N, C-alpha and C. Protein backbone atom coordinates (compact mmCIF):
# COMPACT_ATOMS: atom_id res chain seq x y z
N MET A 1 0.81 -1.19 0.00
CA MET A 1 0.00 0.00 0.00
C MET A 1 0.86 1.26 0.00
N ASN A 2 1.99 1.19 0.62
CA ASN A 2 2.89 2.31 0.67
C ASN A 2 3.45 2.64 -0.72
N LYS A 3 3.74 1.58 -1.51
CA LYS A 3 4.26 1.80 -2.86
C LYS A 3 3.22 2.45 -3.75
N LYS A 4 1.96 2.10 -3.59
CA LYS A 4 0.89 2.71 -4.40
C LYS A 4 0.77 4.20 -4.12
N MET A 5 0.93 4.60 -2.89
CA MET A 5 0.84 6.03 -2.54
C MET A 5 2.04 6.80 -3.11
N VAL A 6 3.20 6.19 -3.08
CA VAL A 6 4.40 6.84 -3.63
C VAL A 6 4.24 7.00 -5.13
N HIS A 7 3.75 5.96 -5.82
CA HIS A 7 3.54 6.04 -7.26
C HIS A 7 2.48 7.10 -7.61
N ALA A 8 1.42 7.18 -6.85
CA ALA A 8 0.37 8.17 -7.09
C ALA A 8 0.91 9.59 -6.88
N ALA A 9 1.72 9.77 -5.87
CA ALA A 9 2.30 11.09 -5.61
C ALA A 9 3.25 11.50 -6.73
N LEU A 10 4.09 10.54 -7.20
CA LEU A 10 5.02 10.83 -8.29
C LEU A 10 4.26 11.14 -9.58
N LEU A 11 3.20 10.41 -9.84
CA LEU A 11 2.39 10.66 -11.02
C LEU A 11 1.74 12.05 -10.95
N SER A 12 1.26 12.44 -9.79
CA SER A 12 0.64 13.77 -9.62
C SER A 12 1.67 14.87 -9.85
N ILE A 13 2.87 14.68 -9.31
CA ILE A 13 3.92 15.69 -9.50
C ILE A 13 4.30 15.79 -10.98
N ALA A 14 4.39 14.66 -11.66
CA ALA A 14 4.74 14.67 -13.08
C ALA A 14 3.68 15.39 -13.90
N LEU A 15 2.42 15.16 -13.58
CA LEU A 15 1.34 15.83 -14.30
C LEU A 15 1.36 17.34 -14.06
N LEU A 16 1.63 17.75 -12.85
CA LEU A 16 1.71 19.17 -12.54
C LEU A 16 2.87 19.84 -13.29
N LEU A 17 3.99 19.18 -13.36
CA LEU A 17 5.14 19.74 -14.08
C LEU A 17 4.86 19.84 -15.57
N MET A 18 4.19 18.86 -16.13
CA MET A 18 3.88 18.90 -17.57
C MET A 18 2.87 20.01 -17.88
N ALA A 19 1.94 20.24 -17.02
CA ALA A 19 0.94 21.29 -17.25
C ALA A 19 1.58 22.67 -17.17
N GLY A 20 2.59 22.83 -16.32
CA GLY A 20 3.26 24.12 -16.18
C GLY A 20 4.21 24.43 -17.32
N CYS A 21 4.63 23.44 -18.07
CA CYS A 21 5.58 23.63 -19.16
C CYS A 21 4.87 23.60 -20.50
N ASN A 22 3.78 24.25 -20.63
CA ASN A 22 3.01 24.26 -21.87
C ASN A 22 3.73 25.11 -22.92
N PRO A 23 4.15 24.54 -24.05
CA PRO A 23 4.91 25.31 -25.05
C PRO A 23 4.05 26.28 -25.84
N ASN A 24 2.74 26.22 -25.74
CA ASN A 24 1.88 27.12 -26.53
C ASN A 24 1.98 28.57 -26.09
N ASN A 25 2.35 28.84 -24.85
CA ASN A 25 2.39 30.22 -24.35
C ASN A 25 3.77 30.83 -24.42
N GLN A 26 4.77 30.10 -24.88
CA GLN A 26 6.12 30.64 -24.90
C GLN A 26 6.28 31.62 -26.04
N GLY A 27 6.92 32.75 -25.75
CA GLY A 27 7.23 33.74 -26.79
C GLY A 27 6.12 34.75 -27.04
N GLU A 28 4.95 34.57 -26.48
CA GLU A 28 3.87 35.52 -26.70
C GLU A 28 3.94 36.61 -25.65
N ALA A 29 3.56 37.80 -26.06
CA ALA A 29 3.51 38.91 -25.11
C ALA A 29 2.29 38.73 -24.21
N PRO A 30 2.40 39.08 -22.95
CA PRO A 30 1.25 38.95 -22.07
C PRO A 30 0.15 39.93 -22.50
N GLN A 31 -1.08 39.48 -22.42
CA GLN A 31 -2.19 40.34 -22.82
C GLN A 31 -2.55 41.26 -21.67
N GLN A 32 -2.93 42.48 -22.03
CA GLN A 32 -3.34 43.46 -21.05
C GLN A 32 -4.84 43.31 -20.83
N ARG A 33 -5.24 43.06 -19.64
CA ARG A 33 -6.65 42.83 -19.34
C ARG A 33 -7.33 44.15 -18.97
N GLY A 34 -8.54 44.34 -19.46
CA GLY A 34 -9.35 45.48 -19.07
C GLY A 34 -9.03 46.77 -19.81
N ALA A 35 -8.04 46.81 -20.64
CA ALA A 35 -7.71 48.03 -21.36
C ALA A 35 -8.37 48.00 -22.73
N GLN A 36 -8.92 49.09 -23.11
CA GLN A 36 -9.60 49.19 -24.40
C GLN A 36 -9.07 50.42 -25.13
N VAL A 37 -8.55 50.22 -26.31
CA VAL A 37 -8.07 51.35 -27.09
C VAL A 37 -9.22 51.79 -27.98
N ASN A 38 -9.54 53.06 -27.91
CA ASN A 38 -10.63 53.58 -28.73
C ASN A 38 -10.29 54.99 -29.19
N GLN A 39 -11.19 55.60 -29.95
CA GLN A 39 -10.89 56.91 -30.51
C GLN A 39 -10.84 58.01 -29.47
N TYR A 40 -11.24 57.72 -28.23
CA TYR A 40 -11.25 58.76 -27.21
C TYR A 40 -9.89 58.98 -26.57
N ASN A 41 -8.99 58.01 -26.69
CA ASN A 41 -7.71 58.18 -26.03
C ASN A 41 -6.53 58.18 -27.00
N ARG A 42 -6.81 58.36 -28.28
CA ARG A 42 -5.72 58.44 -29.25
C ARG A 42 -5.38 59.90 -29.50
N THR A 43 -4.11 60.17 -29.66
CA THR A 43 -3.69 61.51 -30.02
C THR A 43 -2.77 61.42 -31.21
N THR A 44 -2.72 62.47 -31.97
CA THR A 44 -1.80 62.51 -33.09
C THR A 44 -0.63 63.40 -32.70
N PRO A 45 0.53 63.21 -33.30
CA PRO A 45 1.70 63.99 -32.90
C PRO A 45 1.51 65.50 -33.06
N GLY A 46 0.71 65.94 -34.02
CA GLY A 46 0.53 67.36 -34.25
C GLY A 46 -0.41 68.03 -33.26
N GLN A 47 -1.27 67.26 -32.62
CA GLN A 47 -2.23 67.84 -31.69
C GLN A 47 -1.65 67.88 -30.29
N LYS A 48 -2.00 68.90 -29.55
CA LYS A 48 -1.58 69.00 -28.16
C LYS A 48 -2.78 68.69 -27.28
N THR A 49 -3.18 67.45 -27.29
CA THR A 49 -4.29 67.02 -26.43
C THR A 49 -3.77 65.98 -25.45
N ARG A 50 -4.38 65.95 -24.30
CA ARG A 50 -3.95 65.00 -23.29
C ARG A 50 -4.62 63.65 -23.53
N VAL A 51 -3.93 62.61 -23.17
CA VAL A 51 -4.49 61.27 -23.28
C VAL A 51 -5.41 61.06 -22.10
N LEU A 52 -6.60 60.58 -22.37
CA LEU A 52 -7.58 60.36 -21.32
C LEU A 52 -7.23 59.11 -20.53
N VAL A 53 -7.45 59.18 -19.26
CA VAL A 53 -7.28 58.00 -18.43
C VAL A 53 -8.65 57.40 -18.19
N GLY A 54 -8.68 56.19 -17.72
CA GLY A 54 -9.96 55.53 -17.52
C GLY A 54 -10.56 55.08 -18.84
N SER A 55 -9.70 54.78 -19.82
CA SER A 55 -10.18 54.44 -21.15
C SER A 55 -10.79 53.05 -21.23
N ASP A 56 -10.72 52.30 -20.14
CA ASP A 56 -11.34 50.99 -20.17
C ASP A 56 -12.82 51.05 -19.81
N LEU A 57 -13.34 52.25 -19.60
CA LEU A 57 -14.76 52.42 -19.30
C LEU A 57 -15.58 52.33 -20.58
N ASN A 58 -16.82 51.97 -20.44
CA ASN A 58 -17.72 51.93 -21.58
C ASN A 58 -18.13 53.35 -21.94
N PRO A 59 -17.74 53.87 -23.11
CA PRO A 59 -18.07 55.26 -23.44
C PRO A 59 -19.55 55.47 -23.72
N ASN A 60 -20.32 54.42 -23.89
CA ASN A 60 -21.74 54.56 -24.17
C ASN A 60 -22.58 54.57 -22.90
N LEU A 61 -21.98 54.34 -21.76
CA LEU A 61 -22.70 54.24 -20.51
C LEU A 61 -22.87 55.61 -19.88
N VAL A 62 -24.12 56.06 -19.71
CA VAL A 62 -24.39 57.32 -19.03
C VAL A 62 -24.58 56.98 -17.57
N THR A 63 -23.64 57.38 -16.76
CA THR A 63 -23.66 56.98 -15.36
C THR A 63 -24.19 58.07 -14.44
N GLY A 64 -24.21 59.30 -14.89
CA GLY A 64 -24.66 60.38 -14.03
C GLY A 64 -23.57 60.89 -13.11
N ARG A 65 -22.38 60.40 -13.27
CA ARG A 65 -21.25 60.90 -12.49
C ARG A 65 -20.01 60.82 -13.37
N ASN A 66 -18.98 61.51 -12.94
CA ASN A 66 -17.75 61.56 -13.72
C ASN A 66 -16.88 60.36 -13.37
N ASP A 67 -16.69 59.45 -14.34
CA ASP A 67 -15.94 58.23 -14.12
C ASP A 67 -14.49 58.32 -14.56
N VAL A 68 -14.10 59.38 -15.20
CA VAL A 68 -12.71 59.48 -15.64
C VAL A 68 -11.94 60.35 -14.67
N ARG A 69 -10.65 60.14 -14.63
CA ARG A 69 -9.85 60.89 -13.67
C ARG A 69 -9.56 62.31 -14.14
N ASP A 70 -9.58 62.55 -15.42
CA ASP A 70 -9.29 63.88 -15.94
C ASP A 70 -10.47 64.35 -16.78
N ILE A 71 -11.48 64.87 -16.13
CA ILE A 71 -12.70 65.28 -16.80
C ILE A 71 -12.43 66.46 -17.73
N GLN A 72 -11.43 67.27 -17.41
CA GLN A 72 -11.10 68.41 -18.28
C GLN A 72 -10.56 67.95 -19.62
N ALA A 73 -9.90 66.80 -19.65
CA ALA A 73 -9.42 66.26 -20.92
C ALA A 73 -10.60 65.92 -21.82
N GLU A 74 -11.66 65.37 -21.25
CA GLU A 74 -12.85 65.09 -22.05
C GLU A 74 -13.52 66.38 -22.50
N ALA A 75 -13.58 67.37 -21.64
CA ALA A 75 -14.17 68.66 -22.03
C ALA A 75 -13.36 69.30 -23.15
N ASP A 76 -12.04 69.22 -23.06
CA ASP A 76 -11.18 69.76 -24.12
C ASP A 76 -11.38 69.00 -25.43
N SER A 77 -11.52 67.68 -25.33
CA SER A 77 -11.77 66.88 -26.53
C SER A 77 -13.09 67.27 -27.19
N MET A 78 -14.11 67.51 -26.38
CA MET A 78 -15.40 67.93 -26.92
C MET A 78 -15.30 69.29 -27.59
N ALA A 79 -14.57 70.21 -26.98
CA ALA A 79 -14.39 71.53 -27.58
C ALA A 79 -13.65 71.42 -28.91
N ASN A 80 -12.65 70.54 -28.99
CA ASN A 80 -11.92 70.34 -30.25
C ASN A 80 -12.84 69.79 -31.34
N VAL A 81 -13.75 68.89 -30.97
CA VAL A 81 -14.71 68.35 -31.93
C VAL A 81 -15.65 69.45 -32.40
N ALA A 82 -16.11 70.28 -31.49
CA ALA A 82 -17.06 71.35 -31.83
C ALA A 82 -16.43 72.37 -32.78
N VAL A 83 -15.18 72.70 -32.58
CA VAL A 83 -14.51 73.71 -33.41
C VAL A 83 -14.30 73.19 -34.84
N GLN A 84 -14.31 71.89 -35.03
CA GLN A 84 -14.12 71.34 -36.37
C GLN A 84 -15.34 71.51 -37.26
N VAL A 85 -16.48 71.85 -36.68
CA VAL A 85 -17.68 72.09 -37.49
C VAL A 85 -17.51 73.44 -38.18
N PRO A 86 -17.81 73.51 -39.49
CA PRO A 86 -17.65 74.78 -40.21
C PRO A 86 -18.46 75.91 -39.58
N LYS A 87 -17.87 77.10 -39.59
CA LYS A 87 -18.45 78.35 -39.09
C LYS A 87 -18.49 78.43 -37.56
N VAL A 88 -17.77 77.55 -36.87
CA VAL A 88 -17.62 77.66 -35.43
C VAL A 88 -16.23 78.20 -35.15
N LYS A 89 -16.17 79.40 -34.55
CA LYS A 89 -14.87 80.03 -34.26
C LYS A 89 -14.25 79.49 -32.98
N ARG A 90 -15.06 79.44 -31.93
CA ARG A 90 -14.56 79.01 -30.62
C ARG A 90 -15.61 78.15 -29.95
N ALA A 91 -15.14 77.29 -29.06
CA ALA A 91 -16.05 76.45 -28.28
C ALA A 91 -15.48 76.27 -26.88
N SER A 92 -16.38 76.22 -25.92
CA SER A 92 -16.00 75.98 -24.54
C SER A 92 -16.98 74.96 -23.96
N VAL A 93 -16.46 74.03 -23.16
CA VAL A 93 -17.29 72.94 -22.65
C VAL A 93 -17.09 72.80 -21.15
N VAL A 94 -18.20 72.59 -20.46
CA VAL A 94 -18.18 72.25 -19.04
C VAL A 94 -18.99 70.97 -18.88
N ILE A 95 -18.45 70.03 -18.11
CA ILE A 95 -19.12 68.76 -17.87
C ILE A 95 -19.53 68.72 -16.41
N ASN A 96 -20.81 68.39 -16.20
CA ASN A 96 -21.34 68.25 -14.84
C ASN A 96 -22.14 66.95 -14.80
N GLY A 97 -21.57 65.91 -14.24
CA GLY A 97 -22.24 64.61 -14.22
C GLY A 97 -22.37 64.06 -15.62
N ALA A 98 -23.60 63.74 -16.02
CA ALA A 98 -23.85 63.19 -17.35
C ALA A 98 -24.19 64.29 -18.35
N GLN A 99 -24.13 65.55 -17.94
CA GLN A 99 -24.46 66.70 -18.80
C GLN A 99 -23.17 67.33 -19.32
N ALA A 100 -23.16 67.67 -20.59
CA ALA A 100 -22.05 68.42 -21.19
C ALA A 100 -22.65 69.68 -21.80
N TYR A 101 -22.20 70.83 -21.33
CA TYR A 101 -22.69 72.12 -21.81
C TYR A 101 -21.65 72.71 -22.75
N VAL A 102 -22.05 72.94 -24.00
CA VAL A 102 -21.14 73.44 -25.03
C VAL A 102 -21.58 74.85 -25.40
N GLY A 103 -20.67 75.81 -25.22
CA GLY A 103 -20.91 77.19 -25.64
C GLY A 103 -20.12 77.47 -26.90
N LEU A 104 -20.75 78.14 -27.86
CA LEU A 104 -20.12 78.40 -29.15
C LEU A 104 -20.03 79.88 -29.44
N THR A 105 -18.98 80.25 -30.16
CA THR A 105 -18.90 81.54 -30.82
C THR A 105 -18.88 81.23 -32.31
N LEU A 106 -19.88 81.75 -33.02
CA LEU A 106 -20.01 81.45 -34.44
C LEU A 106 -19.30 82.51 -35.27
N ALA A 107 -19.00 82.15 -36.52
CA ALA A 107 -18.34 83.07 -37.45
C ALA A 107 -19.23 84.27 -37.73
N ASP A 108 -18.61 85.38 -38.12
CA ASP A 108 -19.36 86.60 -38.42
C ASP A 108 -20.26 86.45 -39.64
N THR A 109 -20.01 85.46 -40.46
CA THR A 109 -20.81 85.28 -41.68
C THR A 109 -22.16 84.64 -41.40
N VAL A 110 -22.37 84.15 -40.18
CA VAL A 110 -23.66 83.56 -39.82
C VAL A 110 -24.61 84.71 -39.51
N ARG A 111 -25.65 84.84 -40.32
CA ARG A 111 -26.58 85.98 -40.21
C ARG A 111 -27.95 85.59 -39.67
N SER A 112 -28.45 84.43 -40.05
CA SER A 112 -29.83 84.10 -39.69
C SER A 112 -29.87 83.17 -38.48
N ARG A 113 -31.00 83.21 -37.78
CA ARG A 113 -31.21 82.31 -36.65
C ARG A 113 -31.29 80.86 -37.10
N GLN A 114 -31.86 80.66 -38.28
CA GLN A 114 -31.99 79.31 -38.81
C GLN A 114 -30.62 78.69 -39.07
N GLU A 115 -29.72 79.47 -39.65
CA GLU A 115 -28.36 78.98 -39.90
C GLU A 115 -27.64 78.67 -38.59
N ALA A 116 -27.81 79.53 -37.59
CA ALA A 116 -27.20 79.31 -36.28
C ALA A 116 -27.76 78.04 -35.64
N ALA A 117 -29.07 77.83 -35.77
CA ALA A 117 -29.69 76.62 -35.21
C ALA A 117 -29.16 75.36 -35.90
N THR A 118 -28.96 75.45 -37.21
CA THR A 118 -28.42 74.31 -37.96
C THR A 118 -27.00 73.99 -37.50
N ILE A 119 -26.19 75.01 -37.29
CA ILE A 119 -24.81 74.81 -36.83
C ILE A 119 -24.80 74.22 -35.42
N ARG A 120 -25.67 74.73 -34.54
CA ARG A 120 -25.74 74.19 -33.17
C ARG A 120 -26.11 72.70 -33.20
N GLU A 121 -27.06 72.34 -34.06
CA GLU A 121 -27.48 70.94 -34.15
C GLU A 121 -26.35 70.06 -34.70
N LYS A 122 -25.60 70.57 -35.67
CA LYS A 122 -24.45 69.81 -36.20
C LYS A 122 -23.41 69.59 -35.10
N VAL A 123 -23.14 70.64 -34.33
CA VAL A 123 -22.18 70.51 -33.24
C VAL A 123 -22.68 69.49 -32.23
N ARG A 124 -23.95 69.56 -31.87
CA ARG A 124 -24.51 68.62 -30.90
C ARG A 124 -24.37 67.18 -31.40
N GLN A 125 -24.67 66.97 -32.68
CA GLN A 125 -24.58 65.61 -33.24
C GLN A 125 -23.14 65.11 -33.26
N HIS A 126 -22.21 65.98 -33.65
CA HIS A 126 -20.80 65.56 -33.71
C HIS A 126 -20.26 65.25 -32.32
N VAL A 127 -20.52 66.13 -31.37
CA VAL A 127 -20.01 65.91 -30.01
C VAL A 127 -20.68 64.69 -29.39
N GLN A 128 -21.99 64.56 -29.58
CA GLN A 128 -22.72 63.41 -29.05
C GLN A 128 -22.20 62.11 -29.66
N GLY A 129 -21.85 62.16 -30.94
CA GLY A 129 -21.29 60.98 -31.60
C GLY A 129 -19.93 60.58 -31.06
N LYS A 130 -19.11 61.55 -30.70
CA LYS A 130 -17.77 61.26 -30.18
C LYS A 130 -17.79 60.90 -28.70
N MET A 131 -18.70 61.48 -27.95
CA MET A 131 -18.79 61.21 -26.51
C MET A 131 -20.24 60.84 -26.17
N PRO A 132 -20.65 59.63 -26.53
CA PRO A 132 -22.07 59.27 -26.41
C PRO A 132 -22.57 59.11 -24.98
N ARG A 133 -21.68 59.08 -24.01
CA ARG A 133 -22.18 58.88 -22.65
C ARG A 133 -22.70 60.16 -22.01
N TYR A 134 -22.57 61.29 -22.69
CA TYR A 134 -23.03 62.56 -22.15
C TYR A 134 -24.28 63.04 -22.87
N ASP A 135 -25.13 63.75 -22.13
CA ASP A 135 -26.26 64.45 -22.71
C ASP A 135 -25.72 65.83 -23.09
N VAL A 136 -25.55 66.06 -24.38
CA VAL A 136 -24.89 67.27 -24.87
C VAL A 136 -25.92 68.36 -25.12
N ARG A 137 -25.66 69.54 -24.58
CA ARG A 137 -26.50 70.71 -24.79
C ARG A 137 -25.63 71.82 -25.36
N VAL A 138 -26.13 72.49 -26.40
CA VAL A 138 -25.31 73.46 -27.13
C VAL A 138 -26.04 74.79 -27.19
N SER A 139 -25.27 75.88 -27.04
CA SER A 139 -25.82 77.23 -27.18
C SER A 139 -24.80 78.11 -27.88
N SER A 140 -25.31 79.05 -28.67
CA SER A 140 -24.43 80.02 -29.31
C SER A 140 -24.68 81.42 -28.75
N ASP A 141 -25.41 81.52 -27.66
CA ASP A 141 -25.64 82.79 -26.98
C ASP A 141 -24.33 83.27 -26.36
N THR A 142 -23.98 84.54 -26.56
CA THR A 142 -22.69 85.05 -26.07
C THR A 142 -22.62 85.05 -24.55
N GLY A 143 -23.73 85.32 -23.88
CA GLY A 143 -23.75 85.30 -22.42
C GLY A 143 -23.52 83.91 -21.87
N ILE A 144 -24.15 82.93 -22.48
CA ILE A 144 -23.97 81.54 -22.04
C ILE A 144 -22.55 81.08 -22.34
N PHE A 145 -22.02 81.46 -23.51
CA PHE A 145 -20.63 81.10 -23.84
C PHE A 145 -19.68 81.66 -22.78
N SER A 146 -19.87 82.92 -22.40
CA SER A 146 -19.00 83.54 -21.39
C SER A 146 -19.11 82.82 -20.05
N ARG A 147 -20.33 82.45 -19.68
CA ARG A 147 -20.53 81.76 -18.40
C ARG A 147 -19.86 80.39 -18.42
N ILE A 148 -20.02 79.65 -19.51
CA ILE A 148 -19.39 78.33 -19.62
C ILE A 148 -17.87 78.48 -19.57
N GLN A 149 -17.36 79.49 -20.25
CA GLN A 149 -15.91 79.71 -20.26
C GLN A 149 -15.41 80.09 -18.86
N ASP A 150 -16.15 80.93 -18.14
CA ASP A 150 -15.75 81.30 -16.78
C ASP A 150 -15.77 80.10 -15.83
N ILE A 151 -16.81 79.29 -15.94
CA ILE A 151 -16.89 78.09 -15.10
C ILE A 151 -15.74 77.14 -15.42
N GLY A 152 -15.48 76.93 -16.71
CA GLY A 152 -14.37 76.05 -17.12
C GLY A 152 -13.04 76.55 -16.63
N ASP A 153 -12.80 77.87 -16.72
CA ASP A 153 -11.54 78.45 -16.23
C ASP A 153 -11.41 78.27 -14.72
N GLY A 154 -12.53 78.44 -14.00
CA GLY A 154 -12.51 78.26 -12.55
C GLY A 154 -12.20 76.83 -12.17
N ILE A 155 -12.80 75.88 -12.86
CA ILE A 155 -12.57 74.47 -12.57
C ILE A 155 -11.12 74.11 -12.88
N ARG A 156 -10.59 74.63 -13.98
CA ARG A 156 -9.17 74.37 -14.32
C ARG A 156 -8.22 74.92 -13.25
N SER A 157 -8.61 76.03 -12.63
CA SER A 157 -7.75 76.62 -11.62
C SER A 157 -7.91 75.97 -10.25
N GLY A 158 -8.81 74.97 -10.16
CA GLY A 158 -8.92 74.22 -8.92
C GLY A 158 -10.18 74.46 -8.11
N THR A 159 -11.07 75.32 -8.56
CA THR A 159 -12.31 75.56 -7.84
C THR A 159 -13.24 74.36 -8.03
N PRO A 160 -13.79 73.82 -6.96
CA PRO A 160 -14.70 72.68 -7.11
C PRO A 160 -15.96 73.06 -7.87
N ILE A 161 -16.48 72.12 -8.63
CA ILE A 161 -17.67 72.39 -9.44
C ILE A 161 -18.88 72.69 -8.55
N ASN A 162 -18.87 72.21 -7.31
CA ASN A 162 -19.98 72.51 -6.40
C ASN A 162 -20.11 74.00 -6.11
N ASN A 163 -19.02 74.74 -6.23
CA ASN A 163 -19.08 76.19 -6.03
C ASN A 163 -19.86 76.88 -7.15
N TYR A 164 -20.07 76.18 -8.26
CA TYR A 164 -20.79 76.75 -9.39
C TYR A 164 -22.20 76.15 -9.52
N ARG A 165 -22.71 75.61 -8.43
CA ARG A 165 -24.00 74.93 -8.48
C ARG A 165 -25.12 75.83 -8.98
N ILE A 166 -25.19 77.05 -8.52
CA ILE A 166 -26.24 77.99 -8.97
C ILE A 166 -26.10 78.26 -10.46
N HIS A 167 -24.86 78.46 -10.92
CA HIS A 167 -24.61 78.71 -12.34
C HIS A 167 -24.97 77.49 -13.19
N MET A 168 -24.64 76.31 -12.69
CA MET A 168 -24.95 75.08 -13.42
C MET A 168 -26.46 74.87 -13.51
N ASN A 169 -27.18 75.16 -12.43
CA ASN A 169 -28.64 75.05 -12.47
C ASN A 169 -29.23 76.03 -13.48
N ASP A 170 -28.68 77.24 -13.53
CA ASP A 170 -29.15 78.23 -14.51
C ASP A 170 -28.86 77.77 -15.94
N LEU A 171 -27.66 77.24 -16.16
CA LEU A 171 -27.33 76.71 -17.49
C LEU A 171 -28.28 75.58 -17.87
N ASN A 172 -28.56 74.73 -16.92
CA ASN A 172 -29.45 73.60 -17.18
C ASN A 172 -30.84 74.08 -17.59
N SER A 173 -31.35 75.12 -16.95
CA SER A 173 -32.68 75.61 -17.30
C SER A 173 -32.67 76.42 -18.61
N ARG A 174 -31.60 77.16 -18.86
CA ARG A 174 -31.54 77.97 -20.09
C ARG A 174 -31.19 77.17 -21.32
N MET A 175 -30.48 76.04 -21.13
CA MET A 175 -30.07 75.22 -22.27
C MET A 175 -30.86 73.94 -22.33
N ASN A 176 -32.11 73.99 -21.95
CA ASN A 176 -32.95 72.79 -21.99
C ASN A 176 -33.13 72.37 -23.44
N ARG A 177 -32.84 71.10 -23.70
CA ARG A 177 -32.88 70.59 -25.07
C ARG A 177 -34.19 70.90 -25.68
């Protein structure tokens, strides 16, 4: 009976050693788990944009809170997308939870309200397409643009967004979709 136990133990050890020496995994690079490369965290050498962190999050998920570590990088990305629409001179973006407020300065050649509304809708569609997890609201009113820019500058300088709660509530009511 003692010999049977020794043989069983030796057989178990041999099987364990063979399983650990699997030649199929040799030479392959280890896979990175949980990381997802997408269009939100790619940069080109000519652009001076920051790489977003938290890129393994689902960009389509509207969570109602800020899940990325650098929310200003997402706001800057949204502003860059908005400026690419023709006849948009400047754009400023503030993100509060699942809401993204985009303020625009349009080109001087935009004369009619209808043309301005068309441009705002194009900007909304482009930004919403690039950052689908946010409810995007767009305005080309100069007062709203200034307010969004002031809030964004304050947040960049370290002021907590809670200090702008009254302003954010006003933006929410004035920029109702």
